[in-house]
PDB file of N, CA and C in Angstrom:
ATOM      1  N   MET A   1       7.873  22.830 125.633  1.00  0.00           N
ATOM      2  CA  MET A   1       7.535  21.939 124.554  1.00  0.00           C
ATOM      3  C   MET A   1       6.258  22.458 123.887  1.00  0.00           C
ATOM      4  N   LEU A   2       6.217  22.413 122.563  1.00  0.00           N
ATOM      5  CA  LEU A   2       5.084  22.949 121.816  1.00  0.00           C
ATOM      6  C   LEU A   2       4.334  21.836 121.111  1.00  0.00           C
ATOM      7  N   THR A   3       3.073  22.105 120.859  1.00  0.00           N
ATOM      8  CA  THR A   3       2.251  21.212 120.069  1.00  0.00           C
ATOM      9  C   THR A   3       1.417  22.066 119.130  1.00  0.00           C
ATOM     10  N   ARG A   4       0.865  21.463 118.137  1.00  0.00           N
ATOM     11  CA  ARG A   4      -0.007  22.200 117.218  1.00  0.00           C
ATOM     12  C   ARG A   4      -1.444  21.770 117.456  1.00  0.00           C
ATOM     13  N   SER A   5      -2.312  22.768 117.482  1.00  0.00           N
ATOM     14  CA  SER A   5      -3.729  22.470 117.629  1.00  0.00           C
ATOM     15  C   SER A   5      -4.265  21.991 116.283  1.00  0.00           C
ATOM     16  N   PRO A   6      -5.484  21.450 116.244  1.00  0.00           N
ATOM     17  CA  PRO A   6      -6.032  20.965 114.970  1.00  0.00           C
ATOM     18  C   PRO A   6      -6.074  22.026 113.867  1.00  0.00           C
ATOM     19  N   ASP A   7      -6.166  23.308 114.252  1.00  0.00           N
ATOM     20  CA  ASP A   7      -6.201  24.355 113.232  1.00  0.00           C
ATOM     21  C   ASP A   7      -4.801  24.795 112.798  1.00  0.00           C
ATOM     22  N   GLY A   8      -3.752  24.101 113.304  1.00  0.00           N
ATOM     23  CA  GLY A   8      -2.386  24.371 112.884  1.00  0.00           C
ATOM     24  C   GLY A   8      -1.648  25.388 113.732  1.00  0.00           C
ATOM     25  N   GLU A   9      -2.334  25.995 114.705  1.00  0.00           N
ATOM     26  CA  GLU A   9      -1.688  26.987 115.552  1.00  0.00           C
ATOM     27  C   GLU A   9      -0.791  26.313 116.580  1.00  0.00           C
ATOM     28  N   LYS A  10       0.416  26.871 116.783  1.00  0.00           N
ATOM     29  CA  LYS A  10       1.316  26.333 117.802  1.00  0.00           C
ATOM     30  C   LYS A  10       0.812  26.761 119.178  1.00  0.00           C
ATOM     31  N   LYS A  11       0.836  25.846 120.108  1.00  0.00           N
ATOM     32  CA  LYS A  11       0.418  26.115 121.481  1.00  0.00           C
ATOM     33  C   LYS A  11       1.387  25.433 122.428  1.00  0.00           C
ATOM     34  N   PRO A  12       1.610  26.050 123.596  1.00  0.00           N
ATOM     35  CA  PRO A  12       2.423  25.344 124.587  1.00  0.00           C
ATOM     36  C   PRO A  12       1.700  24.077 125.031  1.00  0.00           C
ATOM     37  N   LEU A  13       2.450  22.999 125.130  1.00  0.00           N
ATOM     38  CA  LEU A  13       1.884  21.738 125.576  1.00  0.00           C
ATOM     39  C   LEU A  13       1.324  21.909 126.974  1.00  0.00           C
ATOM     40  N   ARG A  14       0.129  21.512 127.192  1.00  0.00           N
ATOM     41  CA  ARG A  14      -0.566  21.586 128.476  1.00  0.00           C
ATOM     42  C   ARG A  14      -0.712  23.004 128.999  1.00  0.00           C
ATOM     43  N   TYR A  15      -0.670  24.013 128.130  1.00  0.00           N
ATOM     44  CA  TYR A  15      -0.725  25.382 128.618  1.00  0.00           C
ATOM     45  C   TYR A  15      -2.025  25.686 129.335  1.00  0.00           C
ATOM     46  N   LYS A  16      -3.123  25.119 128.874  1.00  0.00           N
ATOM     47  CA  LYS A  16      -4.393  25.369 129.554  1.00  0.00           C
ATOM     48  C   LYS A  16      -4.372  24.793 130.965  1.00  0.00           C
ATOM     49  N   ASP A  17      -3.741  23.636 131.121  1.00  0.00           N
ATOM     50  CA  ASP A  17      -3.613  23.042 132.443  1.00  0.00           C
ATOM     51  C   ASP A  17      -2.778  23.947 133.346  1.00  0.00           C
ATOM     52  N   LEU A  18      -1.668  24.452 132.837  1.00  0.00           N
ATOM     53  CA  LEU A  18      -0.835  25.360 133.617  1.00  0.00           C
ATOM     54  C   LEU A  18      -1.591  26.635 133.968  1.00  0.00           C
ATOM     55  N   GLU A  19      -2.275  27.208 132.971  1.00  0.00           N
ATOM     56  CA  GLU A  19      -3.011  28.446 133.211  1.00  0.00           C
ATOM     57  C   GLU A  19      -4.092  28.255 134.269  1.00  0.00           C
ATOM     58  N   SER A  20      -4.724  27.086 134.276  1.00  0.00           N
ATOM     59  CA  SER A  20      -5.796  26.860 135.248  1.00  0.00           C
ATOM     60  C   SER A  20      -5.269  26.681 136.667  1.00  0.00           C
ATOM     61  N   ARG A  21      -3.973  26.368 136.812  1.00  0.00           N
ATOM     62  CA  ARG A  21      -3.398  26.144 138.144  1.00  0.00           C
ATOM     63  C   ARG A  21      -2.552  27.304 138.642  1.00  0.00           C
ATOM     64  N   HIS A  22      -2.474  28.397 137.901  1.00  0.00           N
ATOM     65  CA  HIS A  22      -1.570  29.468 138.300  1.00  0.00           C
ATOM     66  C   HIS A  22      -1.952  30.121 139.618  1.00  0.00           C
ATOM     67  N   ASP A  23      -3.225  30.093 139.991  1.00  0.00           N
ATOM     68  CA  ASP A  23      -3.639  30.703 141.259  1.00  0.00           C
ATOM     69  C   ASP A  23      -3.048  29.979 142.465  1.00  0.00           C
ATOM     70  N   GLN A  24      -2.868  28.676 142.353  1.00  0.00           N
ATOM     71  CA  GLN A  24      -2.329  27.902 143.465  1.00  0.00           C
ATOM     72  C   GLN A  24      -0.803  27.980 143.540  1.00  0.00           C
ATOM     73  N   ASN A  25      -0.158  28.296 142.430  1.00  0.00           N
ATOM     74  CA  ASN A  25       1.301  28.271 142.398  1.00  0.00           C
ATOM     75  C   ASN A  25       1.821  29.415 141.529  1.00  0.00           C
ATOM     76  N   PRO A  26       2.139  30.565 142.140  1.00  0.00           N
ATOM     77  CA  PRO A  26       2.582  31.720 141.357  1.00  0.00           C
ATOM     78  C   PRO A  26       3.816  31.470 140.508  1.00  0.00           C
ATOM     79  N   SER A  27       4.639  30.495 140.865  1.00  0.00           N
ATOM     80  CA  SER A  27       5.824  30.253 140.039  1.00  0.00           C
ATOM     81  C   SER A  27       5.434  29.726 138.659  1.00  0.00           C
ATOM     82  N   LEU A  28       4.233  29.196 138.537  1.00  0.00           N
ATOM     83  CA  LEU A  28       3.766  28.746 137.222  1.00  0.00           C
ATOM     84  C   LEU A  28       3.608  29.918 136.265  1.00  0.00           C
ATOM     85  N   ASP A  29       3.351  31.101 136.796  1.00  0.00           N
ATOM     86  CA  ASP A  29       3.185  32.267 135.931  1.00  0.00           C
ATOM     87  C   ASP A  29       4.431  32.487 135.073  1.00  0.00           C
ATOM     88  N   ALA A  30       5.592  32.343 135.671  1.00  0.00           N
ATOM     89  CA  ALA A  30       6.839  32.502 134.915  1.00  0.00           C
ATOM     90  C   ALA A  30       7.015  31.370 133.907  1.00  0.00           C
ATOM     91  N   ASP A  31       6.602  30.154 134.279  1.00  0.00           N
ATOM     92  CA  ASP A  31       6.684  29.030 133.337  1.00  0.00           C
ATOM     93  C   ASP A  31       5.768  29.260 132.134  1.00  0.00           C
ATOM     94  N   ILE A  32       4.582  29.760 132.404  1.00  0.00           N
ATOM     95  CA  ILE A  32       3.648  30.059 131.313  1.00  0.00           C
ATOM     96  C   ILE A  32       4.228  31.169 130.439  1.00  0.00           C
ATOM     97  N   ALA A  33       4.838  32.176 131.075  1.00  0.00           N
ATOM     98  CA  ALA A  33       5.478  33.254 130.315  1.00  0.00           C
ATOM     99  C   ALA A  33       6.569  32.683 129.413  1.00  0.00           C
ATOM    100  N   LEU A  34       7.355  31.751 129.944  1.00  0.00           N
ATOM    101  CA  LEU A  34       8.405  31.131 129.135  1.00  0.00           C
ATOM    102  C   LEU A  34       7.830  30.390 127.937  1.00  0.00           C
ATOM    103  N   ALA A  35       6.705  29.734 128.134  1.00  0.00           N
ATOM    104  CA  ALA A  35       6.068  29.034 127.013  1.00  0.00           C
ATOM    105  C   ALA A  35       5.692  30.023 125.914  1.00  0.00           C
ATOM    106  N   TYR A  36       5.169  31.180 126.322  1.00  0.00           N
ATOM    107  CA  TYR A  36       4.804  32.188 125.327  1.00  0.00           C
ATOM    108  C   TYR A  36       6.034  32.838 124.692  1.00  0.00           C
ATOM    109  N   VAL A  37       7.136  32.958 125.435  1.00  0.00           N
ATOM    110  CA  VAL A  37       8.380  33.431 124.826  1.00  0.00           C
ATOM    111  C   VAL A  37       8.770  32.470 123.707  1.00  0.00           C
ATOM    112  N   GLY A  38       8.663  31.168 123.987  1.00  0.00           N
ATOM    113  CA  GLY A  38       8.993  30.163 122.983  1.00  0.00           C
ATOM    114  C   GLY A  38       8.129  30.245 121.742  1.00  0.00           C
ATOM    115  N   LEU A  39       6.901  30.697 121.923  1.00  0.00           N
ATOM    116  CA  LEU A  39       5.994  30.866 120.790  1.00  0.00           C
ATOM    117  C   LEU A  39       6.205  32.189 120.064  1.00  0.00           C
ATOM    118  N   GLY A  40       7.014  33.057 120.670  1.00  0.00           N
ATOM    119  CA  GLY A  40       7.223  34.370 120.073  1.00  0.00           C
ATOM    120  C   GLY A  40       6.114  35.347 120.381  1.00  0.00           C
ATOM    121  N   ASP A  41       5.287  35.047 121.376  1.00  0.00           N
ATOM    122  CA  ASP A  41       4.167  35.909 121.742  1.00  0.00           C
ATOM    123  C   ASP A  41       4.570  36.769 122.939  1.00  0.00           C
ATOM    124  N   GLN A  42       5.219  37.889 122.648  1.00  0.00           N
ATOM    125  CA  GLN A  42       5.735  38.743 123.713  1.00  0.00           C
ATOM    126  C   GLN A  42       4.623  39.355 124.553  1.00  0.00           C
ATOM    127  N   ASP A  43       3.505  39.685 123.941  1.00  0.00           N
ATOM    128  CA  ASP A  43       2.408  40.280 124.704  1.00  0.00           C
ATOM    129  C   ASP A  43       1.910  39.336 125.792  1.00  0.00           C
ATOM    130  N   GLN A  44       1.685  38.069 125.446  1.00  0.00           N
ATOM    131  CA  GLN A  44       1.237  37.096 126.439  1.00  0.00           C
ATOM    132  C   GLN A  44       2.324  36.830 127.476  1.00  0.00           C
ATOM    133  N   ALA A  45       3.578  36.786 127.037  1.00  0.00           N
ATOM    134  CA  ALA A  45       4.677  36.558 127.976  1.00  0.00           C
ATOM    135  C   ALA A  45       4.728  37.669 129.022  1.00  0.00           C
ATOM    136  N   ILE A  46       4.644  38.909 128.585  1.00  0.00           N
ATOM    137  CA  ILE A  46       4.673  40.038 129.515  1.00  0.00           C
ATOM    138  C   ILE A  46       3.449  40.002 130.425  1.00  0.00           C
ATOM    139  N   SER A  47       2.300  39.669 129.872  1.00  0.00           N
ATOM    140  CA  SER A  47       1.085  39.573 130.676  1.00  0.00           C
ATOM    141  C   SER A  47       1.247  38.568 131.815  1.00  0.00           C
ATOM    142  N   TRP A  48       1.808  37.401 131.510  1.00  0.00           N
ATOM    143  CA  TRP A  48       2.004  36.378 132.548  1.00  0.00           C
ATOM    144  C   TRP A  48       3.086  36.778 133.533  1.00  0.00           C
ATOM    145  N   LEU A  49       4.103  37.507 133.082  1.00  0.00           N
ATOM    146  CA  LEU A  49       5.106  38.006 134.017  1.00  0.00           C
ATOM    147  C   LEU A  49       4.488  39.012 134.983  1.00  0.00           C
ATOM    148  N   ASN A  50       3.583  39.834 134.473  1.00  0.00           N
ATOM    149  CA  ASN A  50       2.894  40.783 135.350  1.00  0.00           C
ATOM    150  C   ASN A  50       2.047  40.061 136.386  1.00  0.00           C
ATOM    151  N   LYS A  51       1.396  38.989 135.980  1.00  0.00           N
ATOM    152  CA  LYS A  51       0.614  38.198 136.942  1.00  0.00           C
ATOM    153  C   LYS A  51       1.527  37.607 138.009  1.00  0.00           C
ATOM    154  N   GLY A  52       2.676  37.120 137.579  1.00  0.00           N
ATOM    155  CA  GLY A  52       3.637  36.567 138.525  1.00  0.00           C
ATOM    156  C   GLY A  52       4.153  37.615 139.490  1.00  0.00           C
ATOM    157  N   TYR A  53       4.381  38.818 138.976  1.00  0.00           N
ATOM    158  CA  TYR A  53       4.845  39.912 139.828  1.00  0.00           C
ATOM    159  C   TYR A  53       3.809  40.226 140.900  1.00  0.00           C
ATOM    160  N   GLU A  54       2.555  40.306 140.483  1.00  0.00           N
ATOM    161  CA  GLU A  54       1.484  40.596 141.433  1.00  0.00           C
ATOM    162  C   GLU A  54       1.364  39.505 142.491  1.00  0.00           C
ATOM    163  N   ALA A  55       1.687  38.281 142.126  1.00  0.00           N
ATOM    164  CA  ALA A  55       1.615  37.158 143.066  1.00  0.00           C
ATOM    165  C   ALA A  55       2.928  36.975 143.832  1.00  0.00           C
ATOM    166  N   ARG A  56       3.887  37.880 143.607  1.00  0.00           N
ATOM    167  CA  ARG A  56       5.172  37.836 144.310  1.00  0.00           C
ATOM    168  C   ARG A  56       6.009  36.595 143.970  1.00  0.00           C
ATOM    169  N   PHE A  57       6.130  36.326 142.676  1.00  0.00           N
ATOM    170  CA  PHE A  57       6.946  35.190 142.260  1.00  0.00           C
ATOM    171  C   PHE A  57       8.424  35.489 142.470  1.00  0.00           C
ATOM    172  N   LYS A  58       9.253  34.478 142.370  1.00  0.00           N
ATOM    173  CA  LYS A  58      10.698  34.620 142.555  1.00  0.00           C
ATOM    174  C   LYS A  58      11.284  35.343 141.343  1.00  0.00           C
ATOM    175  N   ALA A  59      11.638  36.599 141.526  1.00  0.00           N
ATOM    176  CA  ALA A  59      12.040  37.465 140.416  1.00  0.00           C
ATOM    177  C   ALA A  59      13.325  37.021 139.731  1.00  0.00           C
ATOM    178  N   SER A  60      14.183  36.308 140.431  1.00  0.00           N
ATOM    179  CA  SER A  60      15.458  35.912 139.818  1.00  0.00           C
ATOM    180  C   SER A  60      15.271  35.016 138.600  1.00  0.00           C
ATOM    181  N   ILE A  61      14.086  34.448 138.445  1.00  0.00           N
ATOM    182  CA  ILE A  61      13.814  33.626 137.259  1.00  0.00           C
ATOM    183  C   ILE A  61      13.974  34.444 135.977  1.00  0.00           C
ATOM    184  N   LEU A  62      13.800  35.757 136.092  1.00  0.00           N
ATOM    185  CA  LEU A  62      13.903  36.619 134.920  1.00  0.00           C
ATOM    186  C   LEU A  62      15.316  36.700 134.369  1.00  0.00           C
ATOM    187  N   LEU A  63      16.295  36.236 135.143  1.00  0.00           N
ATOM    188  CA  LEU A  63      17.681  36.251 134.689  1.00  0.00           C
ATOM    189  C   LEU A  63      18.011  35.079 133.768  1.00  0.00           C
ATOM    190  N   ARG A  64      17.096  34.134 133.653  1.00  0.00           N
ATOM    191  CA  ARG A  64      17.321  32.974 132.783  1.00  0.00           C
ATOM    192  C   ARG A  64      17.512  33.410 131.330  1.00  0.00           C
ATOM    193  N   PRO A  65      18.429  32.781 130.629  1.00  0.00           N
ATOM    194  CA  PRO A  65      18.635  33.096 129.210  1.00  0.00           C
ATOM    195  C   PRO A  65      17.374  32.895 128.358  1.00  0.00           C
ATOM    196  N   ALA A  66      16.473  32.061 128.808  1.00  0.00           N
ATOM    197  CA  ALA A  66      15.249  31.826 128.035  1.00  0.00           C
ATOM    198  C   ALA A  66      14.428  33.106 127.853  1.00  0.00           C
ATOM    199  N   PHE A  67      14.639  34.080 128.747  1.00  0.00           N
ATOM    200  CA  PHE A  67      13.917  35.350 128.616  1.00  0.00           C
ATOM    201  C   PHE A  67      14.642  36.349 127.722  1.00  0.00           C
ATOM    202  N   ASP A  68      15.780  35.979 127.152  1.00  0.00           N
ATOM    203  CA  ASP A  68      16.549  36.889 126.302  1.00  0.00           C
ATOM    204  C   ASP A  68      15.728  37.529 125.181  1.00  0.00           C
ATOM    205  N   PRO A  69      14.802  36.810 124.542  1.00  0.00           N
ATOM    206  CA  PRO A  69      14.030  37.459 123.471  1.00  0.00           C
ATOM    207  C   PRO A  69      13.195  38.658 123.948  1.00  0.00           C
ATOM    208  N   LEU A  70      12.962  38.761 125.250  1.00  0.00           N
ATOM    209  CA  LEU A  70      12.172  39.886 125.774  1.00  0.00           C
ATOM    210  C   LEU A  70      13.036  41.060 126.219  1.00  0.00           C
ATOM    211  N   ARG A  71      14.324  40.890 126.306  1.00  0.00           N
ATOM    212  CA  ARG A  71      15.193  41.912 126.906  1.00  0.00           C
ATOM    213  C   ARG A  71      15.144  43.263 126.202  1.00  0.00           C
ATOM    214  N   SER A  72      14.845  43.294 124.925  1.00  0.00           N
ATOM    215  CA  SER A  72      14.771  44.571 124.213  1.00  0.00           C
ATOM    216  C   SER A  72      13.386  45.219 124.322  1.00  0.00           C
ATOM    217  N   ASP A  73      12.435  44.519 124.886  1.00  0.00           N
ATOM    218  CA  ASP A  73      11.071  45.034 125.041  1.00  0.00           C
ATOM    219  C   ASP A  73      11.030  46.000 126.233  1.00  0.00           C
ATOM    220  N   ALA A  74      10.558  47.200 126.003  1.00  0.00           N
ATOM    221  CA  ALA A  74      10.499  48.220 127.059  1.00  0.00           C
ATOM    222  C   ALA A  74       9.676  47.751 128.260  1.00  0.00           C
ATOM    223  N   ARG A  75       8.640  46.955 128.010  1.00  0.00           N
ATOM    224  CA  ARG A  75       7.805  46.455 129.116  1.00  0.00           C
ATOM    225  C   ARG A  75       8.603  45.499 129.994  1.00  0.00           C
ATOM    226  N   PHE A  76       9.458  44.684 129.371  1.00  0.00           N
ATOM    227  CA  PHE A  76      10.293  43.767 130.137  1.00  0.00           C
ATOM    228  C   PHE A  76      11.312  44.551 130.954  1.00  0.00           C
ATOM    229  N   LYS A  77      11.911  45.565 130.349  1.00  0.00           N
ATOM    230  CA  LYS A  77      12.872  46.402 131.066  1.00  0.00           C
ATOM    231  C   LYS A  77      12.207  47.046 132.279  1.00  0.00           C
ATOM    232  N   GLU A  78      10.998  47.518 132.108  1.00  0.00           N
ATOM    233  CA  GLU A  78      10.258  48.120 133.227  1.00  0.00           C
ATOM    234  C   GLU A  78       9.975  47.074 134.295  1.00  0.00           C
ATOM    235  N   HIS A  79       9.634  45.894 133.873  1.00  0.00           N
ATOM    236  CA  HIS A  79       9.369  44.802 134.811  1.00  0.00           C
ATOM    237  C   HIS A  79      10.634  44.490 135.618  1.00  0.00           C
ATOM    238  N   MET A  80      11.758  44.411 134.950  1.00  0.00           N
ATOM    239  CA  MET A  80      13.034  44.163 135.631  1.00  0.00           C
ATOM    240  C   MET A  80      13.308  45.263 136.648  1.00  0.00           C
ATOM    241  N   ARG A  81      13.063  46.501 136.276  1.00  0.00           N
ATOM    242  CA  ARG A  81      13.273  47.627 137.178  1.00  0.00           C
ATOM    243  C   ARG A  81      12.380  47.506 138.420  1.00  0.00           C
ATOM    244  N   ARG A  82      11.101  47.151 138.197  1.00  0.00           N
ATOM    245  CA  ARG A  82      10.150  47.021 139.311  1.00  0.00           C
ATOM    246  C   ARG A  82      10.573  45.982 140.334  1.00  0.00           C
ATOM    247  N   VAL A  83      11.191  44.899 139.860  1.00  0.00           N
ATOM    248  CA  VAL A  83      11.583  43.839 140.791  1.00  0.00           C
ATOM    249  C   VAL A  83      13.017  44.030 141.311  1.00  0.00           C
ATOM    250  N   GLY A  84      13.657  45.120 140.899  1.00  0.00           N
ATOM    251  CA  GLY A  84      14.976  45.438 141.424  1.00  0.00           C
ATOM    252  C   GLY A  84      16.128  44.715 140.768  1.00  0.00           C
ATOM    253  N   LEU A  85      15.935  44.242 139.542  1.00  0.00           N
ATOM    254  CA  LEU A  85      16.998  43.552 138.819  1.00  0.00           C
ATOM    255  C   LEU A  85      17.568  44.469 137.736  1.00  0.00           C
ATOM    256  N   PRO A  86      18.848  44.308 137.425  1.00  0.00           N
ATOM    257  CA  PRO A  86      19.418  45.126 136.355  1.00  0.00           C
ATOM    258  C   PRO A  86      18.782  44.772 135.019  1.00  0.00           C
ATOM    259  N   GLY A  87      18.465  45.764 134.254  1.00  0.00           N
ATOM    260  CA  GLY A  87      17.794  45.489 132.998  1.00  0.00           C
ATOM    261  C   GLY A  87      18.488  46.128 131.892  1.00  0.00           C
TER     262      GLY A  87
END
């Protein structure tokens, strides 16, 4: 779910709250990545996926259709390869 900040920029709803809790729950990293996919911010999405990878998140989440916008990104393909999923 998205919201607009006072300056008109789209932001994931409660994204700062999620970002502040990612250390306690690595699966949040993928959720934050999904929020950035929804915003069309592939750089941030890949960054959060990398954080999730380092924290050993459940890689099968990458098979969700919500990640389809990243499938053509070489960084995403490399990420899929690293976790042993077909890319």
